[in-house]
Each structure stands twice: as C-alpha cells, then as structure tokens.
Amino acid sequence: MAEKKYTTEALEDAEQLAKILAKVPRERKPLVTMMASAFIAGAEAQAQLTAPNGSARQ
C-alpha cells in the first residue's frame, strides 16, 4: 500500500476538526460524526467527478 503524503494545510484542517469534535457533547457525537463523514464522502465524490482525466470510479 502506497504511503499517503498530507499537506500542512490538510493536517491543520484535520487538527481543527478534531478540536471541534472534542467539544461536542457525548450524546451528540454519533450524529456529528455521521454528518462529517457524509460531507467528506461528498467532497471525495465531487473531486472524482471533476477530475481532469474525467474518470470516476464506478
């Protein structure tokens, strides 16, 4: 498996998200985690659909 390289900006964004999630009350964490996962999945799908080579995994 190839090792992923993350930019400084991506790591800072991940740290900010982790700090936000740490402040969420325990009873709300599943909902917030589900919403964050859905947003990330949507962003990944959009990136694949708009990729320069036009190929989307199916």
PDB file of N, CA and C in Angstrom:
ATOM      1  N   MET A   1       0.843  -1.174   0.000  1.00  0.00           N
ATOM      2  CA  MET A   1       0.000   0.000   0.000  1.00  0.00           C
ATOM      3  C   MET A   1       0.887   1.236   0.000  1.00  0.00           C
ATOM      4  N   ALA A   2       0.578   2.162  -0.888  1.00  0.00           N
ATOM      5  CA  ALA A   2       1.373   3.379  -1.006  1.00  0.00           C
ATOM      6  C   ALA A   2       1.137   4.290   0.200  1.00  0.00           C
ATOM      7  N   GLU A   3       2.197   4.911   0.651  1.00  0.00           N
ATOM      8  CA  GLU A   3       2.098   5.827   1.785  1.00  0.00           C
ATOM      9  C   GLU A   3       1.529   7.154   1.294  1.00  0.00           C
ATOM     10  N   LYS A   4       0.537   7.678   2.023  1.00  0.00           N
ATOM     11  CA  LYS A   4      -0.069   8.949   1.636  1.00  0.00           C
ATOM     12  C   LYS A   4       0.762  10.101   2.185  1.00  0.00           C
ATOM     13  N   LYS A   5       0.851  11.149   1.402  1.00  0.00           N
ATOM     14  CA  LYS A   5       1.530  12.377   1.818  1.00  0.00           C
ATOM     15  C   LYS A   5       0.473  13.440   2.030  1.00  0.00           C
ATOM     16  N   TYR A   6       0.475  14.049   3.203  1.00  0.00           N
ATOM     17  CA  TYR A   6      -0.500  15.082   3.520  1.00  0.00           C
ATOM     18  C   TYR A   6       0.178  16.443   3.553  1.00  0.00           C
ATOM     19  N   THR A   7      -0.543  17.450   3.070  1.00  0.00           N
ATOM     20  CA  THR A   7      -0.009  18.810   3.094  1.00  0.00           C
ATOM     21  C   THR A   7      -0.153  19.378   4.497  1.00  0.00           C
ATOM     22  N   THR A   8       0.591  20.426   4.755  1.00  0.00           N
ATOM     23  CA  THR A   8       0.484  21.103   6.047  1.00  0.00           C
ATOM     24  C   THR A   8      -0.939  21.609   6.250  1.00  0.00           C
ATOM     25  N   GLU A   9      -1.536  22.115   5.187  1.00  0.00           N
ATOM     26  CA  GLU A   9      -2.905  22.619   5.275  1.00  0.00           C
ATOM     27  C   GLU A   9      -3.887  21.504   5.639  1.00  0.00           C
ATOM     28  N   ALA A  10      -3.734  20.341   5.035  1.00  0.00           N
ATOM     29  CA  ALA A  10      -4.618  19.214   5.328  1.00  0.00           C
ATOM     30  C   ALA A  10      -4.471  18.780   6.785  1.00  0.00           C
ATOM     31  N   LEU A  11      -3.252  18.750   7.283  1.00  0.00           N
ATOM     32  CA  LEU A  11      -3.025  18.373   8.675  1.00  0.00           C
ATOM     33  C   LEU A  11      -3.615  19.397   9.637  1.00  0.00           C
ATOM     34  N   GLU A  12      -3.513  20.668   9.289  1.00  0.00           N
ATOM     35  CA  GLU A  12      -4.102  21.719  10.123  1.00  0.00           C
ATOM     36  C   GLU A  12      -5.624  21.612  10.130  1.00  0.00           C
ATOM     37  N   ASP A  13      -6.209  21.316   8.967  1.00  0.00           N
ATOM     38  CA  ASP A  13      -7.658  21.126   8.892  1.00  0.00           C
ATOM     39  C   ASP A  13      -8.099  19.936   9.744  1.00  0.00           C
ATOM     40  N   ALA A  14      -7.343  18.855   9.684  1.00  0.00           N
ATOM     41  CA  ALA A  14      -7.667  17.672  10.479  1.00  0.00           C
ATOM     42  C   ALA A  14      -7.576  17.974  11.969  1.00  0.00           C
ATOM     43  N   GLU A  15      -6.571  18.735  12.359  1.00  0.00           N
ATOM     44  CA  GLU A  15      -6.423  19.109  13.768  1.00  0.00           C
ATOM     45  C   GLU A  15      -7.597  19.984  14.223  1.00  0.00           C
ATOM     46  N   GLN A  16      -7.998  20.920  13.370  1.00  0.00           N
ATOM     47  CA  GLN A  16      -9.129  21.793  13.703  1.00  0.00           C
ATOM     48  C   GLN A  16     -10.413  20.975  13.852  1.00  0.00           C
ATOM     49  N   LEU A  17     -10.641  20.019  12.951  1.00  0.00           N
ATOM     50  CA  LEU A  17     -11.819  19.159  13.037  1.00  0.00           C
ATOM     51  C   LEU A  17     -11.790  18.337  14.318  1.00  0.00           C
ATOM     52  N   ALA A  18     -10.626  17.811  14.673  1.00  0.00           N
ATOM     53  CA  ALA A  18     -10.510  17.020  15.896  1.00  0.00           C
ATOM     54  C   ALA A  18     -10.829  17.871  17.130  1.00  0.00           C
ATOM     55  N   LYS A  19     -10.395  19.119  17.132  1.00  0.00           N
ATOM     56  CA  LYS A  19     -10.680  20.015  18.261  1.00  0.00           C
ATOM     57  C   LYS A  19     -12.178  20.300  18.358  1.00  0.00           C
ATOM     58  N   ILE A  20     -12.813  20.493  17.199  1.00  0.00           N
ATOM     59  CA  ILE A  20     -14.258  20.744  17.195  1.00  0.00           C
ATOM     60  C   ILE A  20     -15.005  19.520  17.713  1.00  0.00           C
ATOM     61  N   LEU A  21     -14.634  18.343  17.220  1.00  0.00           N
ATOM     62  CA  LEU A  21     -15.295  17.110  17.645  1.00  0.00           C
ATOM     63  C   LEU A  21     -15.093  16.847  19.139  1.00  0.00           C
ATOM     64  N   ALA A  22     -13.962  17.253  19.676  1.00  0.00           N
ATOM     65  CA  ALA A  22     -13.693  17.050  21.100  1.00  0.00           C
ATOM     66  C   ALA A  22     -14.636  17.884  21.973  1.00  0.00           C
ATOM     67  N   LYS A  23     -15.174  18.968  21.435  1.00  0.00           N
ATOM     68  CA  LYS A  23     -16.071  19.841  22.196  1.00  0.00           C
ATOM     69  C   LYS A  23     -17.537  19.410  22.111  1.00  0.00           C
ATOM     70  N   VAL A  24     -17.836  18.471  21.232  1.00  0.00           N
ATOM     71  CA  VAL A  24     -19.220  18.028  21.053  1.00  0.00           C
ATOM     72  C   VAL A  24     -19.607  17.132  22.228  1.00  0.00           C
ATOM     73  N   PRO A  25     -20.791  17.365  22.806  1.00  0.00           N
ATOM     74  CA  PRO A  25     -21.243  16.501  23.908  1.00  0.00           C
ATOM     75  C   PRO A  25     -21.327  15.037  23.468  1.00  0.00           C
ATOM     76  N   ARG A  26     -21.055  14.138  24.380  1.00  0.00           N
ATOM     77  CA  ARG A  26     -21.010  12.699  24.094  1.00  0.00           C
ATOM     78  C   ARG A  26     -22.263  12.197  23.378  1.00  0.00           C
ATOM     79  N   GLU A  27     -23.431  12.643  23.809  1.00  0.00           N
ATOM     80  CA  GLU A  27     -24.676  12.143  23.213  1.00  0.00           C
ATOM     81  C   GLU A  27     -24.882  12.638  21.781  1.00  0.00           C
ATOM     82  N   ARG A  28     -24.166  13.665  21.366  1.00  0.00           N
ATOM     83  CA  ARG A  28     -24.290  14.209  20.009  1.00  0.00           C
ATOM     84  C   ARG A  28     -23.186  13.729  19.060  1.00  0.00           C
ATOM     85  N   LYS A  29     -22.154  13.090  19.586  1.00  0.00           N
ATOM     86  CA  LYS A  29     -21.017  12.685  18.745  1.00  0.00           C
ATOM     87  C   LYS A  29     -21.400  11.778  17.574  1.00  0.00           C
ATOM     88  N   PRO A  30     -22.266  10.784  17.771  1.00  0.00           N
ATOM     89  CA  PRO A  30     -22.608   9.934  16.614  1.00  0.00           C
ATOM     90  C   PRO A  30     -23.229  10.732  15.463  1.00  0.00           C
ATOM     91  N   LEU A  31     -24.106  11.666  15.787  1.00  0.00           N
ATOM     92  CA  LEU A  31     -24.743  12.472  14.757  1.00  0.00           C
ATOM     93  C   LEU A  31     -23.729  13.371  14.049  1.00  0.00           C
ATOM     94  N   VAL A  32     -22.886  14.037  14.811  1.00  0.00           N
ATOM     95  CA  VAL A  32     -21.893  14.935  14.223  1.00  0.00           C
ATOM     96  C   VAL A  32     -20.887  14.147  13.386  1.00  0.00           C
ATOM     97  N   THR A  33     -20.480  12.998  13.866  1.00  0.00           N
ATOM     98  CA  THR A  33     -19.544  12.147  13.123  1.00  0.00           C
ATOM     99  C   THR A  33     -20.172  11.681  11.815  1.00  0.00           C
ATOM    100  N   MET A  34     -21.443  11.307  11.859  1.00  0.00           N
ATOM    101  CA  MET A  34     -22.139  10.879  10.647  1.00  0.00           C
ATOM    102  C   MET A  34     -22.211  12.026   9.642  1.00  0.00           C
ATOM    103  N   MET A  35     -22.518  13.226  10.110  1.00  0.00           N
ATOM    104  CA  MET A  35     -22.606  14.380   9.218  1.00  0.00           C
ATOM    105  C   MET A  35     -21.241  14.708   8.604  1.00  0.00           C
ATOM    106  N   ALA A  36     -20.191  14.645   9.402  1.00  0.00           N
ATOM    107  CA  ALA A  36     -18.843  14.920   8.891  1.00  0.00           C
ATOM    108  C   ALA A  36     -18.435  13.871   7.857  1.00  0.00           C
ATOM    109  N   SER A  37     -18.753  12.615   8.127  1.00  0.00           N
ATOM    110  CA  SER A  37     -18.425  11.539   7.183  1.00  0.00           C
ATOM    111  C   SER A  37     -19.161  11.714   5.867  1.00  0.00           C
ATOM    112  N   ALA A  38     -20.434  12.108   5.941  1.00  0.00           N
ATOM    113  CA  ALA A  38     -21.211  12.323   4.726  1.00  0.00           C
ATOM    114  C   ALA A  38     -20.641  13.488   3.919  1.00  0.00           C
ATOM    115  N   PHE A  39     -20.236  14.540   4.596  1.00  0.00           N
ATOM    116  CA  PHE A  39     -19.654  15.695   3.908  1.00  0.00           C
ATOM    117  C   PHE A  39     -18.359  15.304   3.204  1.00  0.00           C
ATOM    118  N   ILE A  40     -17.501  14.565   3.911  1.00  0.00           N
ATOM    119  CA  ILE A  40     -16.217  14.145   3.335  1.00  0.00           C
ATOM    120  C   ILE A  40     -16.443  13.221   2.138  1.00  0.00           C
ATOM    121  N   ALA A  41     -17.384  12.287   2.260  1.00  0.00           N
ATOM    122  CA  ALA A  41     -17.683  11.381   1.142  1.00  0.00           C
ATOM    123  C   ALA A  41     -18.183  12.169  -0.067  1.00  0.00           C
ATOM    124  N   GLY A  42     -19.012  13.168   0.176  1.00  0.00           N
ATOM    125  CA  GLY A  42     -19.498  14.001  -0.922  1.00  0.00           C
ATOM    126  C   GLY A  42     -18.382  14.783  -1.585  1.00  0.00           C
ATOM    127  N   ALA A  43     -17.471  15.307  -0.774  1.00  0.00           N
ATOM    128  CA  ALA A  43     -16.334  16.056  -1.324  1.00  0.00           C
ATOM    129  C   ALA A  43     -15.442  15.143  -2.163  1.00  0.00           C
ATOM    130  N   GLU A  44     -15.226  13.917  -1.696  1.00  0.00           N
ATOM    131  CA  GLU A  44     -14.418  12.962  -2.449  1.00  0.00           C
ATOM    132  C   GLU A  44     -15.095  12.602  -3.774  1.00  0.00           C
ATOM    133  N   ALA A  45     -16.407  12.399  -3.733  1.00  0.00           N
ATOM    134  CA  ALA A  45     -17.140  12.076  -4.963  1.00  0.00           C
ATOM    135  C   ALA A  45     -17.058  13.236  -5.952  1.00  0.00           C
ATOM    136  N   GLN A  46     -17.222  14.456  -5.461  1.00  0.00           N
ATOM    137  CA  GLN A  46     -17.133  15.628  -6.339  1.00  0.00           C
ATOM    138  C   GLN A  46     -15.744  15.739  -6.960  1.00  0.00           C
ATOM    139  N   ALA A  47     -14.711  15.471  -6.177  1.00  0.00           N
ATOM    140  CA  ALA A  47     -13.339  15.543  -6.696  1.00  0.00           C
ATOM    141  C   ALA A  47     -13.133  14.517  -7.810  1.00  0.00           C
ATOM    142  N   GLN A  48     -13.686  13.324  -7.641  1.00  0.00           N
ATOM    143  CA  GLN A  48     -13.544  12.301  -8.683  1.00  0.00           C
ATOM    144  C   GLN A  48     -14.321  12.675  -9.938  1.00  0.00           C
ATOM    145  N   LEU A  49     -15.501  13.255  -9.759  1.00  0.00           N
ATOM    146  CA  LEU A  49     -16.325  13.624 -10.910  1.00  0.00           C
ATOM    147  C   LEU A  49     -15.729  14.782 -11.703  1.00  0.00           C
ATOM    148  N   THR A  50     -14.993  15.631 -11.042  1.00  0.00           N
ATOM    149  CA  THR A  50     -14.414  16.789 -11.713  1.00  0.00           C
ATOM    150  C   THR A  50     -12.919  16.633 -11.964  1.00  0.00           C
ATOM    151  N   ALA A  51     -12.419  15.421 -11.832  1.00  0.00           N
ATOM    152  CA  ALA A  51     -11.002  15.161 -12.072  1.00  0.00           C
ATOM    153  C   ALA A  51     -10.650  15.507 -13.521  1.00  0.00           C
ATOM    154  N   PRO A  52      -9.442  16.026 -13.737  1.00  0.00           N
ATOM    155  CA  PRO A  52      -9.037  16.429 -15.103  1.00  0.00           C
ATOM    156  C   PRO A  52      -9.156  15.295 -16.126  1.00  0.00           C
ATOM    157  N   ASN A  53      -8.903  14.078 -15.713  1.00  0.00           N
ATOM    158  CA  ASN A  53      -8.977  12.970 -16.664  1.00  0.00           C
ATOM    159  C   ASN A  53     -10.413  12.493 -16.881  1.00  0.00           C
ATOM    160  N   GLY A  54     -11.346  13.044 -16.101  1.00  0.00           N
ATOM    161  CA  GLY A  54     -12.754  12.740 -16.289  1.00  0.00           C
ATOM    162  C   GLY A  54     -13.166  11.334 -15.886  1.00  0.00           C
ATOM    163  N   SER A  55     -12.288  10.610 -15.255  1.00  0.00           N
ATOM    164  CA  SER A  55     -12.640   9.245 -14.874  1.00  0.00           C
ATOM    165  C   SER A  55     -13.163   9.222 -13.451  1.00  0.00           C
ATOM    166  N   ALA A  56     -14.286   8.575 -13.302  1.00  0.00           N
ATOM    167  CA  ALA A  56     -14.871   8.366 -11.980  1.00  0.00           C
ATOM    168  C   ALA A  56     -14.961   6.867 -11.756  1.00  0.00           C
ATOM    169  N   ARG A  57     -14.570   6.437 -10.575  1.00  0.00           N
ATOM    170  CA  ARG A  57     -14.673   5.012 -10.283  1.00  0.00           C
ATOM    171  C   ARG A  57     -16.136   4.621 -10.174  1.00  0.00           C
ATOM    172  N   GLN A  58     -16.476   3.488 -10.760  1.00  0.00           N
ATOM    173  CA  GLN A  58     -17.863   3.017 -10.681  1.00  0.00           C
ATOM    174  C   GLN A  58     -17.917   1.665 -10.058  1.00  0.00           C
TER     175      GLN A  58
END
